[in-house]
Protein backbone atom coordinates (compact mmCIF):
# COMPACT_ATOMS: atom_id res chain seq x y z
CA MET A 1 -0.14 0.02 0.15
CA ASN A 2 1.12 3.38 -1.09
CA VAL A 3 0.37 5.38 2.20
CA PHE A 4 1.54 8.81 1.23
CA ASP A 5 -0.42 8.68 -2.39
CA GLN A 6 -3.57 6.67 -0.75
CA ALA A 7 -3.74 8.50 2.99
CA VAL A 8 -1.79 11.91 2.81
CA GLY A 9 -2.43 12.97 -0.64
CA SER A 10 -0.72 16.38 -1.19
CA HIS A 11 -1.15 17.25 2.33
CA GLU A 12 2.04 18.30 4.15
CA GLN A 13 1.58 16.59 7.24
CA ILE A 14 -1.22 14.69 9.02
CA VAL A 15 -0.58 13.84 12.98
CA PHE A 16 -2.29 11.08 14.80
CA CYS A 17 -2.78 12.17 18.65
CA SER A 18 -3.33 9.54 21.34
CA ASP A 19 -3.82 10.08 24.99
CA PRO A 20 -5.24 6.78 26.70
CA SER A 21 -5.48 8.38 30.01
CA SER A 22 -7.81 11.18 29.01
CA GLY A 23 -9.53 9.36 25.85
CA LEU A 24 -8.36 11.73 23.54
CA ARG A 25 -8.19 10.39 19.83
CA ALA A 26 -7.51 12.77 17.37
CA ILE A 27 -6.11 13.74 14.00
CA ILE A 28 -4.34 17.23 13.01
CA ALA A 29 -4.43 17.60 9.21
CA ILE A 30 -2.31 20.56 7.56
CA TYR A 31 -2.95 20.79 4.08
CA SER A 32 -0.82 23.70 3.40
CA THR A 33 1.63 26.11 5.08
CA ALA A 34 2.35 27.84 1.47
CA LEU A 35 1.06 31.39 2.68
CA GLY A 36 1.15 30.79 6.54
CA PRO A 37 1.01 28.66 9.59
CA ALA A 38 -2.29 26.62 8.98
CA LEU A 39 -5.96 27.67 10.74
CA GLY A 40 -8.69 25.50 10.67
CA GLY A 41 -11.20 24.46 13.60
CA ALA A 42 -11.24 21.68 16.03
CA ARG A 43 -14.35 19.05 15.06
CA PHE A 44 -15.42 16.98 17.74
CA TYR A 45 -17.83 14.16 16.45
CA PRO A 46 -18.71 10.52 17.14
CA PHE A 47 -17.41 9.09 13.79
CA PRO A 48 -18.38 5.75 13.22
CA ASP A 49 -14.46 4.92 12.58
CA GLU A 50 -11.26 5.96 11.96
CA ALA A 51 -11.03 6.20 8.25
CA THR A 52 -14.50 8.50 7.93
CA ALA A 53 -12.63 10.81 10.71
CA LEU A 54 -9.61 10.60 8.58
CA THR A 55 -11.51 11.25 5.12
CA ASP A 56 -13.24 14.29 6.97
CA VAL A 57 -10.19 15.87 8.06
CA LEU A 58 -8.69 15.69 4.80
CA ASN A 59 -10.98 17.37 3.29
CA LEU A 60 -11.72 19.94 5.75
CA SER A 61 -8.36 21.19 6.00
CA ARG A 62 -7.82 21.32 1.99
CA ALA A 63 -11.00 23.64 2.04
CA MET A 64 -9.49 25.45 4.53
CA ALA A 65 -6.76 26.15 2.72
CA TYR A 66 -8.39 27.26 -0.45
CA LYS A 67 -10.76 29.37 1.74
CA ALA A 68 -7.92 31.34 3.40
CA ALA A 69 -6.10 31.76 0.06
CA CYS A 70 -9.57 33.16 -1.72
CA ALA A 71 -10.20 35.57 1.59
CA GLY A 72 -6.54 36.91 0.75
CA LEU A 73 -5.24 35.89 4.17
CA ASP A 74 -1.70 35.34 4.82
CA LEU A 75 -2.69 31.77 6.31
CA GLY A 76 -2.71 27.97 5.22
CA GLY A 77 -5.16 25.50 5.94
CA GLY A 78 -5.23 22.84 8.56
CA LYS A 79 -7.98 20.87 10.68
CA ALA A 80 -8.54 18.80 13.28
CA VAL A 81 -10.78 15.93 14.35
CA LEU A 82 -11.73 14.56 17.85
CA ILE A 83 -13.25 11.29 17.76
CA GLY A 84 -15.98 10.90 20.22
CA ASP A 85 -19.11 12.54 21.32
CA PRO A 86 -18.92 15.76 22.69
CA ARG A 87 -22.23 15.50 24.68
CA GLN A 88 -20.33 12.13 26.87
CA ASP A 89 -16.82 12.57 26.06
CA LYS A 90 -15.59 16.19 26.23
CA THR A 91 -13.61 16.57 29.42
CA GLU A 92 -11.12 19.22 30.69
CA ALA A 93 -8.31 16.50 30.62
CA LEU A 94 -9.01 15.65 26.90
CA LEU A 95 -9.29 19.14 25.76
CA ARG A 96 -5.84 20.19 27.50
CA ALA A 97 -4.16 16.83 26.17
CA TYR A 98 -5.29 18.15 22.94
CA GLY A 99 -3.76 21.50 23.43
CA ARG A 100 -0.77 19.69 24.08
CA PHE A 101 -0.76 18.23 20.67
CA VAL A 102 -1.20 21.45 18.98
CA GLN A 103 1.51 22.92 21.12
CA SER A 104 3.77 20.38 20.12
CA LEU A 105 3.51 21.35 16.40
CA ASN A 106 5.17 24.96 17.61
CA GLY A 107 3.07 26.89 15.57
CA ARG A 108 2.23 25.36 12.23
CA TYR A 109 -1.03 24.51 13.29
CA TYR A 110 -3.84 27.35 14.65
CA THR A 111 -6.43 25.25 16.34
CA ALA A 112 -10.03 27.27 16.78
CA CYS A 113 -13.85 25.90 17.07
CA ASP A 114 -15.92 24.01 14.71
CA VAL A 115 -18.78 21.49 15.25
CA GLY A 116 -18.91 20.29 18.66
CA THR A 117 -16.38 22.58 20.16
CA ASP A 118 -17.08 26.36 21.54
CA SER A 119 -15.21 29.37 22.49
CA ARG A 120 -14.81 28.01 26.66
CA ASP A 121 -13.38 25.18 25.14
CA MET A 122 -10.81 27.13 23.42
CA ASP A 123 -9.96 28.81 26.54
CA VAL A 124 -9.08 25.29 28.19
CA ILE A 125 -6.98 24.40 25.20
CA ALA A 126 -5.32 27.58 25.46
CA ARG A 127 -3.97 26.51 29.06
CA GLU A 128 -1.58 24.31 27.27
CA CYS A 129 -0.98 25.81 24.09
CA ARG A 130 -0.21 29.06 22.75
CA PHE A 131 -1.70 28.71 19.23
CA VAL A 132 -5.12 29.20 20.05
CA THR A 133 -7.95 31.45 18.39
CA GLY A 134 -11.69 31.65 18.37
CA ARG A 135 -11.59 32.32 22.51
CA THR A 136 -14.35 34.10 24.56
CA VAL A 137 -14.25 37.86 24.75
CA ALA A 138 -13.16 37.48 28.49
CA TYR A 139 -9.94 36.09 27.20
CA GLY A 140 -9.42 38.74 24.68
CA GLY A 141 -11.29 37.06 21.82
CA ALA A 142 -14.21 38.03 19.43
CA GLY A 143 -16.25 34.56 21.00
CA ASP A 144 -18.40 33.03 18.49
CA SER A 145 -17.27 32.91 15.10
CA ALA A 146 -20.69 31.99 13.87
CA VAL A 147 -21.43 35.89 13.84
CA LEU A 148 -19.21 36.81 10.94
CA THR A 149 -19.56 33.49 9.27
CA ALA A 150 -23.45 34.10 9.00
CA TYR A 151 -22.51 37.69 7.97
CA GLY A 152 -20.44 36.84 5.09
CA VAL A 153 -22.60 34.24 3.32
CA MET A 154 -25.08 37.07 3.77
CA GLN A 155 -22.84 38.79 1.48
CA GLY A 156 -22.25 35.85 -0.69
CA MET A 157 -25.83 35.47 -1.13
CA ARG A 158 -26.42 39.40 -2.03
CA ALA A 159 -23.59 38.63 -4.42
CA ALA A 160 -25.73 36.01 -6.06
CA ALA A 161 -28.72 37.81 -6.04
CA GLU A 162 -27.14 40.98 -7.79
CA TRP A 163 -25.89 38.11 -10.54
CA VAL A 164 -29.08 36.41 -11.02
CA TRP A 165 -31.96 39.33 -10.64
CA GLY A 166 -29.99 42.06 -11.03
CA THR A 167 -30.07 43.51 -7.61
CA PRO A 168 -28.37 42.90 -4.29
CA HIS A 169 -31.37 42.42 -1.99
CA LEU A 170 -33.33 39.23 -0.92
CA HIS A 171 -36.11 41.07 -0.07
CA GLY A 172 -39.33 38.79 -1.26
CA ARG A 173 -37.24 35.84 -2.30
CA ARG A 174 -38.18 32.41 -0.47
CA VAL A 175 -35.09 30.90 1.05
CA GLY A 176 -34.54 27.38 2.32
CA VAL A 177 -32.60 27.11 5.27
CA SER A 178 -31.08 23.62 5.88
CA GLY A 179 -29.34 23.21 9.44
CA VAL A 180 -30.47 25.96 11.90
CA GLY A 181 -27.47 25.53 14.31
CA LYS A 182 -25.15 28.54 15.66
CA VAL A 183 -24.77 29.85 11.82
CA GLY A 184 -27.95 28.91 10.54
CA ARG A 185 -30.04 30.92 13.16
CA ARG A 186 -27.95 34.04 12.53
CA LEU A 187 -28.35 33.66 8.65
CA ILE A 188 -32.00 33.86 9.01
CA GLU A 189 -32.31 36.74 11.51
CA HIS A 190 -30.22 38.50 8.62
CA LEU A 191 -32.84 37.19 5.80
CA LEU A 192 -35.89 38.16 7.90
CA ALA A 193 -34.04 41.72 8.55
CA GLU A 194 -34.02 41.89 4.57
CA GLY A 195 -37.61 40.84 4.27
CA ALA A 196 -37.54 37.36 2.63
CA SER A 197 -39.48 34.48 3.45
CA VAL A 198 -37.87 31.55 4.94
CA ILE A 199 -38.28 27.74 5.26
CA VAL A 200 -36.20 25.71 7.47
CA ALA A 201 -35.08 22.28 8.22
CA ASP A 202 -33.08 20.18 10.70
CA VAL A 203 -32.62 16.62 11.83
CA ASP A 204 -32.83 18.03 15.27
CA GLY A 205 -36.16 18.98 16.12
CA THR A 206 -35.22 21.19 19.53
CA ALA A 207 -33.27 23.44 16.91
CA ILE A 208 -36.69 23.78 14.81
CA ASP A 209 -38.19 24.61 18.12
CA TYR A 210 -36.06 27.45 18.87
CA VAL A 211 -36.02 28.84 15.90
CA ARG A 212 -39.77 28.92 15.43
CA ALA A 213 -39.89 30.26 18.96
CA GLN A 214 -38.06 33.26 18.32
CA HIS A 215 -39.57 33.44 14.70
CA PRO A 216 -42.94 32.23 14.22
CA GLU A 217 -43.32 33.45 10.84
CA VAL A 218 -40.70 31.00 9.57
CA GLU A 219 -42.08 27.86 7.38
CA THR A 220 -40.36 24.05 8.43
CA ALA A 221 -40.14 21.04 6.37
CA THR A 222 -38.10 17.99 6.76
CA ALA A 223 -34.80 18.03 6.18
CA ASP A 224 -35.43 15.32 3.10
CA GLU A 225 -38.02 17.45 1.42
CA LEU A 226 -36.47 20.90 1.64
CA SER A 227 -34.00 21.04 -1.27
CA ALA A 228 -37.04 19.81 -3.47
CA LEU A 229 -39.42 22.71 -2.57
CA ALA A 230 -39.93 25.54 -4.76
CA MET A 231 -37.65 28.13 -3.90
CA ASP A 232 -35.56 30.84 -4.76
CA VAL A 233 -32.20 30.15 -2.50
CA PHE A 234 -31.21 27.20 -1.35
CA ALA A 235 -28.92 27.60 1.91
CA PRO A 236 -27.17 24.07 3.03
CA CYS A 237 -26.09 25.05 6.75
CA ALA A 238 -25.56 21.36 8.28
CA LEU A 239 -22.69 18.76 7.40
CA GLY A 240 -21.23 18.40 4.42
CA ALA A 241 -22.28 16.51 0.66
CA ALA A 242 -25.77 17.77 1.19
CA LEU A 243 -25.57 18.31 -2.74
CA ASN A 244 -25.45 15.37 -4.50
CA ASP A 245 -26.72 13.94 -7.70
CA GLN A 246 -30.53 13.25 -6.52
CA THR A 247 -30.75 16.47 -4.52
CA VAL A 248 -29.69 18.64 -7.80
CA SER A 249 -31.79 16.68 -9.91
CA ALA A 250 -34.89 17.68 -7.73
CA LEU A 251 -33.40 21.39 -6.82
CA GLN A 252 -35.75 24.26 -7.86
CA ALA A 253 -33.80 27.01 -6.56
CA GLN A 254 -31.97 29.34 -9.01
CA VAL A 255 -29.21 30.07 -6.54
CA VAL A 256 -27.32 27.80 -3.93
CA CYS A 257 -25.43 29.43 -0.92
CA GLY A 258 -25.00 28.42 2.17
CA ALA A 259 -22.57 27.98 5.45
CA ALA A 260 -21.80 24.60 5.46
CA ASN A 261 -18.23 23.35 4.24
CA ASN A 262 -17.63 20.58 1.51
CA GLN A 263 -21.37 21.01 0.06
CA LEU A 264 -20.48 18.77 -2.78
CA ALA A 265 -20.69 15.14 -2.45
CA HIS A 266 -18.10 14.88 -5.27
CA PRO A 267 -16.46 17.35 -7.89
CA GLY A 268 -18.94 16.66 -10.81
CA VAL A 269 -21.51 18.24 -8.78
CA ASP A 270 -20.58 21.56 -9.52
CA LYS A 271 -20.99 21.05 -13.10
CA LEU A 272 -24.53 19.29 -12.73
CA LEU A 273 -25.61 22.64 -11.10
CA HIS A 274 -23.91 24.61 -13.92
CA ASP A 275 -25.71 22.33 -16.48
CA ARG A 276 -29.10 22.89 -14.86
CA GLY A 277 -28.51 26.65 -14.67
CA ILE A 278 -28.30 26.87 -11.11
CA LEU A 279 -25.78 29.51 -9.69
CA TYR A 280 -23.49 28.05 -7.04
CA ALA A 281 -21.92 30.22 -4.86
CA PRO A 282 -18.73 28.02 -3.64
CA ASP A 283 -18.90 27.12 0.07
CA TYR A 284 -15.35 28.06 1.04
CA VAL A 285 -15.73 31.45 -0.52
CA VAL A 286 -18.69 32.64 1.45
CA ASN A 287 -18.57 30.97 4.32
CA ALA A 288 -14.95 32.66 4.70
CA GLY A 289 -16.48 35.25 7.46
CA GLY A 290 -15.49 33.02 10.20
CA LEU A 291 -12.31 32.30 9.58
CA ILE A 292 -11.47 36.00 8.84
CA GLN A 293 -12.76 36.31 12.55
CA VAL A 294 -10.77 34.08 14.09
CA ALA A 295 -7.51 35.09 12.09
CA ASP A 296 -8.24 38.72 13.28
CA GLU A 297 -7.88 37.69 16.92
CA ILE A 298 -4.03 36.78 16.17
CA ASP A 299 -2.65 39.84 16.52
CA GLY A 300 -5.32 41.44 18.72
CA TYR A 301 -8.98 41.41 17.61
CA SER A 302 -10.66 44.52 16.25
CA GLU A 303 -14.53 43.67 15.01
CA PRO A 304 -14.59 46.93 12.61
CA ARG A 305 -11.69 45.44 11.07
CA ALA A 306 -12.89 41.84 10.82
CA ARG A 307 -16.49 42.98 9.79
CA ALA A 308 -14.77 45.15 7.40
CA ARG A 309 -12.48 42.48 5.63
CA ALA A 310 -16.10 40.03 6.01
CA SER A 311 -17.58 42.67 3.63
CA GLN A 312 -15.46 41.89 0.90
CA ILE A 313 -16.71 38.41 0.26
CA PHE A 314 -19.64 40.34 -1.82
CA ASP A 315 -16.91 41.44 -4.27
CA THR A 316 -14.92 38.13 -4.24
CA THR A 317 -17.75 36.25 -4.83
CA GLN A 318 -18.58 38.28 -7.98
CA LEU A 319 -15.22 37.92 -9.06
CA ILE A 320 -15.79 34.24 -8.75
CA PHE A 321 -19.01 34.54 -11.16
CA ALA A 322 -17.29 36.80 -13.54
CA LEU A 323 -14.38 34.04 -13.97
CA ALA A 324 -16.82 31.25 -13.93
CA ASP A 325 -18.43 33.09 -17.06
CA GLU A 326 -15.95 34.40 -18.92
CA GLU A 327 -14.17 30.94 -19.14
CA GLY A 328 -17.28 28.85 -19.73
CA ILE A 329 -16.77 26.80 -16.21
CA PRO A 330 -18.67 26.19 -13.10
CA PRO A 331 -18.00 28.59 -10.32
CA GLY A 332 -16.65 25.72 -7.94
CA GLN A 333 -13.75 25.38 -10.32
CA ALA A 334 -13.45 29.28 -10.90
CA ALA A 335 -13.00 29.42 -7.12
CA ASP A 336 -10.23 26.65 -7.37
CA ARG A 337 -8.71 27.98 -9.68
CA GLN A 338 -8.30 31.54 -8.27
CA ALA A 339 -6.82 29.77 -4.99
CA ASP A 340 -4.19 27.84 -6.55
CA LYS A 341 -3.34 30.97 -8.45
CA ARG A 342 -2.60 32.83 -4.92
CA MET A 343 -1.06 29.59 -3.33
CA SER A 344 1.41 29.07 -6.16
CA GLU A 345 2.46 32.63 -6.89
CA VAL A 346 2.45 33.85 -3.25
CA GLY A 347 3.51 30.51 -1.80
CA ARG A 348 6.70 29.72 -3.98
CA LEU A 349 8.21 32.82 -2.51
CA ARG A 350 7.78 31.34 1.26
CA GLY A 351 7.19 27.50 0.83
CA LEU A 352 6.78 25.37 4.05
CA TRP A 353 6.16 27.45 6.44
CA LEU A 354 8.30 27.21 10.08
CA PRO A 355 8.24 28.99 13.12
CA SER A 356 11.07 30.82 12.71
CA GLY A 357 10.07 32.14 9.24
CA LYS A 358 6.94 34.28 11.00
């Protein structure tokens, strides 16, 4: 078996972390440090097996590298997965053990929040590690990165609206939001404030109940049926692979723009959307607001500065649409080319990032 080709691929480094005394089993993947130290969240999730966890962390870390490149950040892409149920397995001892592994990389990887972790967890990890961002306000951080993630997705959605309908507004549009967790809830608030009508779905009934209690005007659907309903915009905001051959063939929306990472079940889905005339706003372009927020913490957080940078997601999204139109390719492919270009042109001046090079 060729481990480098089959398991590692084009990643720079993969670290398997085990601490039996705390129960920690984690994988840290660094895709690229061509533009700077890798930054990406720590996902705490009950993966069915290690192979699934490895696949997820490899895909997510690659997406983080492309996200940072398109956002114009001097950062590379990395990710961590902690295997287990955070409701049962997350402990101070486990988080601190994870922090020691991150510290051992000496700044090649900065960790942050993701599914199953939050800012309070980052404060615990930081007791063992200097390379932590996404911390609570009390410790100098920005707090929940969902704030600018949702804001950035809204900028991407406005850019798509202007491209399709000639106006950067969602007033009167029907938007389906699949996944109403931390980001989805905030996106709903932006949409309602702009005068859109919203229909939501989530596999967690309590999440739906929370949204309906806050916004009684919101419609609901099951997670399986939402993507096939009549709407103007479909916003995947749950876990990845929401767009596959079946969902795309049934999709009635003219625009897909959401917060979820790795929305395409396989690369060919980008072309399926393109062939059907459905405008896809590449996920790692529009959901970069959270990355921008936590990246800003590294040198001391400034909310106005971070929000101003997240506002640029509107322009970046329109640039991707224009490149795709000019070259006759799907937007996802255009975004990949743009990210590859920056990593190649800027990265060749830096090479592998080492602490002494910062």
